N, C-alpha and C. Protein backbone atom coordinates (compact mmCIF):
# COMPACT_ATOMS: atom_id res chain seq x y z
N MET A 1 -5.82 -14.14 -17.76
CA MET A 1 -5.83 -13.35 -16.53
C MET A 1 -4.78 -12.24 -16.67
N THR A 2 -5.17 -11.02 -16.38
CA THR A 2 -4.25 -9.90 -16.51
C THR A 2 -3.32 -9.80 -15.30
N LEU A 3 -2.24 -9.05 -15.46
CA LEU A 3 -1.32 -8.85 -14.35
C LEU A 3 -2.00 -8.17 -13.17
N LYS A 4 -2.91 -7.24 -13.47
CA LYS A 4 -3.62 -6.56 -12.39
C LYS A 4 -4.47 -7.56 -11.61
N THR A 5 -5.13 -8.46 -12.32
CA THR A 5 -5.97 -9.46 -11.65
C THR A 5 -5.12 -10.36 -10.77
N VAL A 6 -3.97 -10.77 -11.27
CA VAL A 6 -3.07 -11.62 -10.48
C VAL A 6 -2.59 -10.87 -9.24
N ARG A 7 -2.19 -9.62 -9.44
CA ARG A 7 -1.73 -8.82 -8.29
C ARG A 7 -2.84 -8.64 -7.26
N MET A 8 -4.04 -8.33 -7.73
CA MET A 8 -5.16 -8.14 -6.81
C MET A 8 -5.46 -9.44 -6.06
N ALA A 9 -5.36 -10.57 -6.74
CA ALA A 9 -5.59 -11.86 -6.07
C ALA A 9 -4.55 -12.10 -4.99
N LEU A 10 -3.29 -11.78 -5.28
CA LEU A 10 -2.23 -11.92 -4.27
C LEU A 10 -2.49 -10.99 -3.08
N LEU A 11 -2.80 -9.75 -3.39
CA LEU A 11 -3.08 -8.81 -2.30
C LEU A 11 -4.26 -9.27 -1.46
N PHE A 12 -5.29 -9.76 -2.12
CA PHE A 12 -6.47 -10.24 -1.40
C PHE A 12 -6.13 -11.45 -0.53
N ASP A 13 -5.28 -12.34 -1.04
CA ASP A 13 -4.87 -13.50 -0.25
C ASP A 13 -4.17 -13.07 1.04
N PHE A 14 -3.35 -12.05 0.94
CA PHE A 14 -2.60 -11.61 2.12
C PHE A 14 -3.41 -10.70 3.04
N TYR A 15 -4.19 -9.80 2.47
CA TYR A 15 -4.82 -8.75 3.27
C TYR A 15 -6.34 -8.72 3.21
N GLY A 16 -6.95 -9.63 2.50
CA GLY A 16 -8.40 -9.59 2.30
C GLY A 16 -9.21 -9.56 3.58
N GLN A 17 -8.72 -10.21 4.61
CA GLN A 17 -9.47 -10.23 5.87
C GLN A 17 -9.54 -8.87 6.54
N LEU A 18 -8.73 -7.93 6.07
CA LEU A 18 -8.74 -6.58 6.63
C LEU A 18 -9.81 -5.69 5.99
N LEU A 19 -10.41 -6.17 4.91
CA LEU A 19 -11.49 -5.44 4.26
C LEU A 19 -12.81 -5.69 4.99
N THR A 20 -13.77 -4.84 4.74
CA THR A 20 -15.09 -5.05 5.33
C THR A 20 -15.73 -6.27 4.66
N PRO A 21 -16.72 -6.87 5.31
CA PRO A 21 -17.38 -8.02 4.67
C PRO A 21 -17.95 -7.70 3.28
N ARG A 22 -18.52 -6.52 3.12
CA ARG A 22 -19.08 -6.15 1.82
C ARG A 22 -17.97 -5.98 0.77
N GLN A 23 -16.87 -5.37 1.16
CA GLN A 23 -15.74 -5.24 0.25
C GLN A 23 -15.22 -6.62 -0.14
N GLN A 24 -15.13 -7.51 0.83
CA GLN A 24 -14.67 -8.87 0.54
C GLN A 24 -15.60 -9.56 -0.47
N GLU A 25 -16.90 -9.43 -0.26
CA GLU A 25 -17.88 -10.07 -1.16
C GLU A 25 -17.74 -9.53 -2.58
N PHE A 26 -17.76 -8.22 -2.72
CA PHE A 26 -17.68 -7.61 -4.04
C PHE A 26 -16.36 -7.96 -4.72
N PHE A 27 -15.29 -7.91 -3.95
CA PHE A 27 -13.97 -8.21 -4.49
C PHE A 27 -13.91 -9.65 -5.00
N ALA A 28 -14.42 -10.57 -4.20
CA ALA A 28 -14.41 -11.99 -4.58
C ALA A 28 -15.27 -12.23 -5.83
N LEU A 29 -16.40 -11.57 -5.91
CA LEU A 29 -17.27 -11.74 -7.07
C LEU A 29 -16.63 -11.16 -8.34
N TYR A 30 -16.01 -10.00 -8.20
CA TYR A 30 -15.43 -9.33 -9.37
C TYR A 30 -14.14 -10.01 -9.83
N TYR A 31 -13.22 -10.22 -8.91
CA TYR A 31 -11.93 -10.78 -9.29
C TYR A 31 -11.91 -12.31 -9.27
N GLY A 32 -12.63 -12.91 -8.36
CA GLY A 32 -12.62 -14.36 -8.25
C GLY A 32 -13.60 -15.04 -9.19
N ASP A 33 -14.83 -14.55 -9.20
CA ASP A 33 -15.88 -15.18 -10.01
C ASP A 33 -16.06 -14.51 -11.37
N ASP A 34 -15.31 -13.44 -11.61
CA ASP A 34 -15.31 -12.73 -12.89
C ASP A 34 -16.69 -12.18 -13.26
N LEU A 35 -17.44 -11.73 -12.25
CA LEU A 35 -18.72 -11.09 -12.53
C LEU A 35 -18.48 -9.63 -12.92
N SER A 36 -19.35 -9.10 -13.73
CA SER A 36 -19.24 -7.71 -14.15
C SER A 36 -19.78 -6.80 -13.06
N LEU A 37 -19.48 -5.51 -13.19
CA LEU A 37 -20.02 -4.53 -12.25
C LEU A 37 -21.54 -4.58 -12.26
N GLY A 38 -22.11 -4.68 -13.47
CA GLY A 38 -23.57 -4.73 -13.61
C GLY A 38 -24.17 -5.95 -12.94
N GLU A 39 -23.53 -7.10 -13.08
CA GLU A 39 -24.06 -8.32 -12.46
C GLU A 39 -24.04 -8.22 -10.94
N ILE A 40 -22.95 -7.68 -10.41
CA ILE A 40 -22.86 -7.53 -8.96
C ILE A 40 -23.89 -6.51 -8.48
N ALA A 41 -24.00 -5.40 -9.20
CA ALA A 41 -24.97 -4.36 -8.84
C ALA A 41 -26.38 -4.91 -8.83
N GLU A 42 -26.73 -5.68 -9.84
CA GLU A 42 -28.08 -6.25 -9.92
C GLU A 42 -28.35 -7.20 -8.76
N HIS A 43 -27.37 -8.03 -8.46
CA HIS A 43 -27.52 -9.00 -7.37
C HIS A 43 -27.72 -8.33 -6.01
N TYR A 44 -27.04 -7.21 -5.78
CA TYR A 44 -27.11 -6.53 -4.49
C TYR A 44 -28.08 -5.35 -4.48
N GLY A 45 -28.69 -5.06 -5.61
CA GLY A 45 -29.64 -3.96 -5.66
C GLY A 45 -29.01 -2.59 -5.47
N VAL A 46 -27.80 -2.43 -6.01
CA VAL A 46 -27.11 -1.15 -5.93
C VAL A 46 -26.72 -0.73 -7.35
N SER A 47 -26.19 0.47 -7.49
CA SER A 47 -25.78 0.94 -8.82
C SER A 47 -24.41 0.38 -9.20
N ARG A 48 -24.14 0.40 -10.49
CA ARG A 48 -22.82 -0.02 -10.98
C ARG A 48 -21.75 0.88 -10.38
N GLN A 49 -22.09 2.18 -10.24
CA GLN A 49 -21.13 3.14 -9.66
C GLN A 49 -20.79 2.77 -8.22
N ALA A 50 -21.78 2.32 -7.47
CA ALA A 50 -21.54 1.92 -6.08
C ALA A 50 -20.58 0.73 -6.02
N VAL A 51 -20.79 -0.24 -6.91
CA VAL A 51 -19.90 -1.41 -6.97
C VAL A 51 -18.50 -0.96 -7.34
N TYR A 52 -18.42 -0.10 -8.36
CA TYR A 52 -17.13 0.41 -8.81
C TYR A 52 -16.40 1.11 -7.66
N ASP A 53 -17.10 1.96 -6.94
CA ASP A 53 -16.49 2.71 -5.84
C ASP A 53 -15.99 1.76 -4.74
N ILE A 54 -16.79 0.76 -4.41
CA ILE A 54 -16.38 -0.20 -3.38
C ILE A 54 -15.13 -0.96 -3.83
N LEU A 55 -15.10 -1.37 -5.08
CA LEU A 55 -13.93 -2.08 -5.60
C LEU A 55 -12.69 -1.20 -5.60
N ARG A 56 -12.82 0.05 -6.01
CA ARG A 56 -11.66 0.96 -6.03
C ARG A 56 -11.15 1.22 -4.61
N ARG A 57 -12.07 1.42 -3.67
CA ARG A 57 -11.63 1.62 -2.28
C ARG A 57 -10.95 0.36 -1.75
N SER A 58 -11.46 -0.80 -2.13
CA SER A 58 -10.86 -2.07 -1.71
C SER A 58 -9.45 -2.21 -2.27
N GLU A 59 -9.31 -1.92 -3.57
CA GLU A 59 -8.00 -2.01 -4.21
C GLU A 59 -7.01 -1.04 -3.56
N SER A 60 -7.48 0.17 -3.29
CA SER A 60 -6.62 1.17 -2.65
C SER A 60 -6.19 0.72 -1.26
N ALA A 61 -7.13 0.16 -0.52
CA ALA A 61 -6.81 -0.32 0.83
C ALA A 61 -5.78 -1.44 0.78
N LEU A 62 -5.98 -2.39 -0.14
CA LEU A 62 -5.04 -3.51 -0.25
C LEU A 62 -3.65 -3.02 -0.64
N GLU A 63 -3.59 -2.08 -1.59
CA GLU A 63 -2.30 -1.52 -2.00
C GLU A 63 -1.63 -0.78 -0.83
N ALA A 64 -2.43 -0.07 -0.04
CA ALA A 64 -1.88 0.65 1.11
C ALA A 64 -1.31 -0.32 2.15
N TYR A 65 -2.04 -1.40 2.42
CA TYR A 65 -1.54 -2.39 3.37
C TYR A 65 -0.21 -2.96 2.88
N ASP A 66 -0.15 -3.29 1.60
CA ASP A 66 1.08 -3.87 1.08
C ASP A 66 2.20 -2.83 1.00
N GLY A 67 1.84 -1.58 0.80
CA GLY A 67 2.85 -0.53 0.81
C GLY A 67 3.57 -0.43 2.14
N LYS A 68 2.86 -0.76 3.20
CA LYS A 68 3.45 -0.71 4.53
C LYS A 68 4.11 -2.03 4.93
N LEU A 69 3.47 -3.13 4.63
CA LEU A 69 3.95 -4.43 5.11
C LEU A 69 4.83 -5.19 4.11
N ARG A 70 4.62 -4.98 2.83
CA ARG A 70 5.43 -5.58 1.76
C ARG A 70 5.43 -7.11 1.77
N LEU A 71 4.33 -7.72 2.18
CA LEU A 71 4.27 -9.18 2.25
C LEU A 71 4.31 -9.82 0.86
N VAL A 72 3.64 -9.21 -0.12
CA VAL A 72 3.62 -9.78 -1.47
C VAL A 72 5.02 -9.71 -2.07
N GLU A 73 5.68 -8.58 -1.92
CA GLU A 73 7.04 -8.43 -2.44
C GLU A 73 7.98 -9.49 -1.86
N ARG A 74 7.89 -9.68 -0.55
CA ARG A 74 8.76 -10.67 0.10
C ARG A 74 8.43 -12.08 -0.37
N GLU A 75 7.15 -12.36 -0.53
CA GLU A 75 6.74 -13.68 -1.01
C GLU A 75 7.29 -13.96 -2.41
N LEU A 76 7.17 -12.98 -3.30
CA LEU A 76 7.66 -13.15 -4.67
C LEU A 76 9.18 -13.28 -4.70
N ALA A 77 9.87 -12.48 -3.90
CA ALA A 77 11.33 -12.55 -3.84
C ALA A 77 11.77 -13.92 -3.33
N GLN A 78 11.08 -14.43 -2.35
CA GLN A 78 11.43 -15.74 -1.80
C GLN A 78 11.19 -16.84 -2.84
N HIS A 79 10.10 -16.75 -3.58
CA HIS A 79 9.84 -17.75 -4.62
C HIS A 79 10.91 -17.73 -5.70
N ARG A 80 11.35 -16.52 -6.09
CA ARG A 80 12.42 -16.42 -7.09
C ARG A 80 13.71 -17.07 -6.58
N LEU A 81 14.07 -16.76 -5.34
CA LEU A 81 15.29 -17.33 -4.77
C LEU A 81 15.20 -18.85 -4.65
N LEU A 82 14.06 -19.35 -4.24
CA LEU A 82 13.91 -20.80 -4.11
C LEU A 82 13.97 -21.49 -5.48
N ALA A 83 13.46 -20.85 -6.52
CA ALA A 83 13.56 -21.41 -7.86
C ALA A 83 15.02 -21.45 -8.31
N GLU A 84 15.78 -20.41 -7.99
CA GLU A 84 17.21 -20.38 -8.32
C GLU A 84 17.95 -21.49 -7.56
N ILE A 85 17.62 -21.67 -6.30
CA ILE A 85 18.26 -22.71 -5.49
C ILE A 85 17.96 -24.09 -6.06
N GLU A 86 16.71 -24.31 -6.44
CA GLU A 86 16.34 -25.59 -7.04
C GLU A 86 17.13 -25.83 -8.33
N SER A 87 17.28 -24.81 -9.13
CA SER A 87 18.05 -24.91 -10.37
C SER A 87 19.52 -25.21 -10.08
N ASP A 88 20.08 -24.52 -9.09
CA ASP A 88 21.47 -24.77 -8.70
C ASP A 88 21.68 -26.20 -8.24
N LEU A 89 20.74 -26.72 -7.46
CA LEU A 89 20.88 -28.09 -6.96
C LEU A 89 20.79 -29.11 -8.10
N GLN A 90 19.95 -28.81 -9.08
CA GLN A 90 19.88 -29.68 -10.26
C GLN A 90 21.21 -29.67 -11.01
N LYS A 91 21.84 -28.50 -11.10
CA LYS A 91 23.15 -28.39 -11.74
C LYS A 91 24.20 -29.19 -10.98
N VAL A 92 24.14 -29.16 -9.65
CA VAL A 92 25.08 -29.93 -8.84
C VAL A 92 24.92 -31.42 -9.13
N ILE A 93 23.68 -31.88 -9.19
CA ILE A 93 23.43 -33.29 -9.50
C ILE A 93 24.03 -33.65 -10.85
N GLU A 94 23.78 -32.80 -11.84
CA GLU A 94 24.32 -33.06 -13.17
C GLU A 94 25.84 -33.03 -13.19
N MET A 95 26.44 -32.12 -12.42
CA MET A 95 27.91 -32.03 -12.35
C MET A 95 28.49 -33.29 -11.71
N VAL A 96 27.85 -33.76 -10.65
CA VAL A 96 28.32 -34.98 -9.98
C VAL A 96 28.21 -36.17 -10.92
N GLN A 97 27.07 -36.27 -11.61
CA GLN A 97 26.87 -37.38 -12.55
C GLN A 97 27.86 -37.33 -13.69
N ALA A 98 28.27 -36.12 -14.08
CA ALA A 98 29.22 -35.98 -15.19
C ALA A 98 30.66 -36.09 -14.72
N GLY A 99 30.86 -36.23 -13.42
CA GLY A 99 32.21 -36.38 -12.89
C GLY A 99 32.98 -35.07 -12.86
N ALA A 100 32.32 -33.97 -12.62
CA ALA A 100 32.96 -32.66 -12.59
C ALA A 100 33.95 -32.58 -11.43
N ASP A 101 34.86 -31.62 -11.54
CA ASP A 101 35.86 -31.41 -10.50
C ASP A 101 35.19 -30.95 -9.21
N ALA A 102 35.74 -31.42 -8.10
CA ALA A 102 35.19 -31.06 -6.80
C ALA A 102 35.19 -29.55 -6.56
N PRO A 103 36.25 -28.81 -6.93
CA PRO A 103 36.21 -27.36 -6.68
C PRO A 103 35.03 -26.66 -7.37
N ALA A 104 34.67 -27.07 -8.58
CA ALA A 104 33.55 -26.46 -9.29
C ALA A 104 32.24 -26.76 -8.56
N ILE A 105 32.11 -27.97 -8.07
CA ILE A 105 30.91 -28.35 -7.33
C ILE A 105 30.81 -27.58 -6.02
N VAL A 106 31.94 -27.48 -5.31
CA VAL A 106 31.98 -26.76 -4.05
C VAL A 106 31.64 -25.29 -4.27
N ASP A 107 32.14 -24.70 -5.35
CA ASP A 107 31.84 -23.31 -5.67
C ASP A 107 30.35 -23.10 -5.88
N LEU A 108 29.74 -23.96 -6.66
CA LEU A 108 28.30 -23.84 -6.91
C LEU A 108 27.50 -24.05 -5.63
N LEU A 109 27.92 -25.00 -4.80
CA LEU A 109 27.22 -25.22 -3.53
C LEU A 109 27.36 -24.02 -2.60
N SER A 110 28.52 -23.36 -2.62
CA SER A 110 28.72 -22.16 -1.80
C SER A 110 27.79 -21.04 -2.25
N GLN A 111 27.67 -20.87 -3.57
CA GLN A 111 26.74 -19.86 -4.11
C GLN A 111 25.30 -20.17 -3.68
N THR A 112 24.95 -21.44 -3.76
CA THR A 112 23.60 -21.87 -3.41
C THR A 112 23.35 -21.64 -1.92
N ARG A 113 24.36 -21.89 -1.11
CA ARG A 113 24.22 -21.67 0.33
C ARG A 113 23.95 -20.20 0.64
N ARG A 114 24.63 -19.29 -0.07
CA ARG A 114 24.40 -17.86 0.12
C ARG A 114 22.96 -17.49 -0.28
N LYS A 115 22.48 -18.07 -1.37
CA LYS A 115 21.10 -17.81 -1.80
C LYS A 115 20.12 -18.31 -0.74
N LEU A 116 20.41 -19.45 -0.16
CA LEU A 116 19.53 -20.00 0.87
C LEU A 116 19.50 -19.08 2.09
N ALA A 117 20.65 -18.54 2.45
CA ALA A 117 20.71 -17.60 3.58
C ALA A 117 19.90 -16.34 3.26
N THR A 118 19.98 -15.87 2.03
CA THR A 118 19.20 -14.70 1.61
C THR A 118 17.72 -15.02 1.67
N ALA A 119 17.33 -16.20 1.21
CA ALA A 119 15.92 -16.60 1.24
C ALA A 119 15.41 -16.63 2.68
N SER A 120 16.24 -17.08 3.59
CA SER A 120 15.84 -17.12 5.01
C SER A 120 15.62 -15.71 5.54
N LYS A 121 16.48 -14.77 5.13
CA LYS A 121 16.33 -13.38 5.58
C LYS A 121 15.05 -12.78 5.02
N VAL A 122 14.73 -13.10 3.78
CA VAL A 122 13.48 -12.61 3.18
C VAL A 122 12.31 -13.15 3.97
N ASP A 123 12.38 -14.43 4.34
CA ASP A 123 11.30 -15.06 5.10
C ASP A 123 11.11 -14.40 6.46
N GLU A 124 12.20 -13.96 7.05
CA GLU A 124 12.12 -13.33 8.36
C GLU A 124 11.74 -11.86 8.26
N GLY A 125 11.62 -11.36 7.03
CA GLY A 125 11.20 -9.98 6.85
C GLY A 125 12.32 -8.98 6.90
N ARG A 126 13.57 -9.45 6.83
CA ARG A 126 14.69 -8.52 6.86
C ARG A 126 15.04 -8.12 5.43
N ARG A 127 14.16 -7.31 4.80
CA ARG A 127 14.33 -6.92 3.41
C ARG A 127 15.58 -6.09 3.18
N ASP A 128 16.01 -5.37 4.20
CA ASP A 128 17.17 -4.50 4.01
C ASP A 128 18.45 -5.29 3.77
N ASP A 129 18.48 -6.57 4.13
CA ASP A 129 19.66 -7.39 3.90
C ASP A 129 19.63 -8.08 2.54
N VAL A 130 18.50 -7.99 1.84
CA VAL A 130 18.34 -8.70 0.57
C VAL A 130 18.91 -7.87 -0.54
């Protein structure tokens, strides 16, 4: 799966309901079911160019929605932060098991707490604080 396909799938997950029913169908067949332009065109009795145009307009619309709302960006940022927090917590467990000094553990927990606060701000849509 290409990066474009992954990005389009994410955009469709967030904004797909804003497309027309025909755009949704073509988009799902092309990106979800991996049908070719020709296969979609044959099934709907339209030209390959018509399918191509509908897909390009759909992609442009999805990109425009995300350009304004930034839901995909916030989702990805939140996932990155949560992965870092999970890693930090695993380090804390290992430090405790190894008998590490309390100040080192407290320092790591403080860093993790700040990351958690940042993740909460991302979730609330306050990107300017991130």
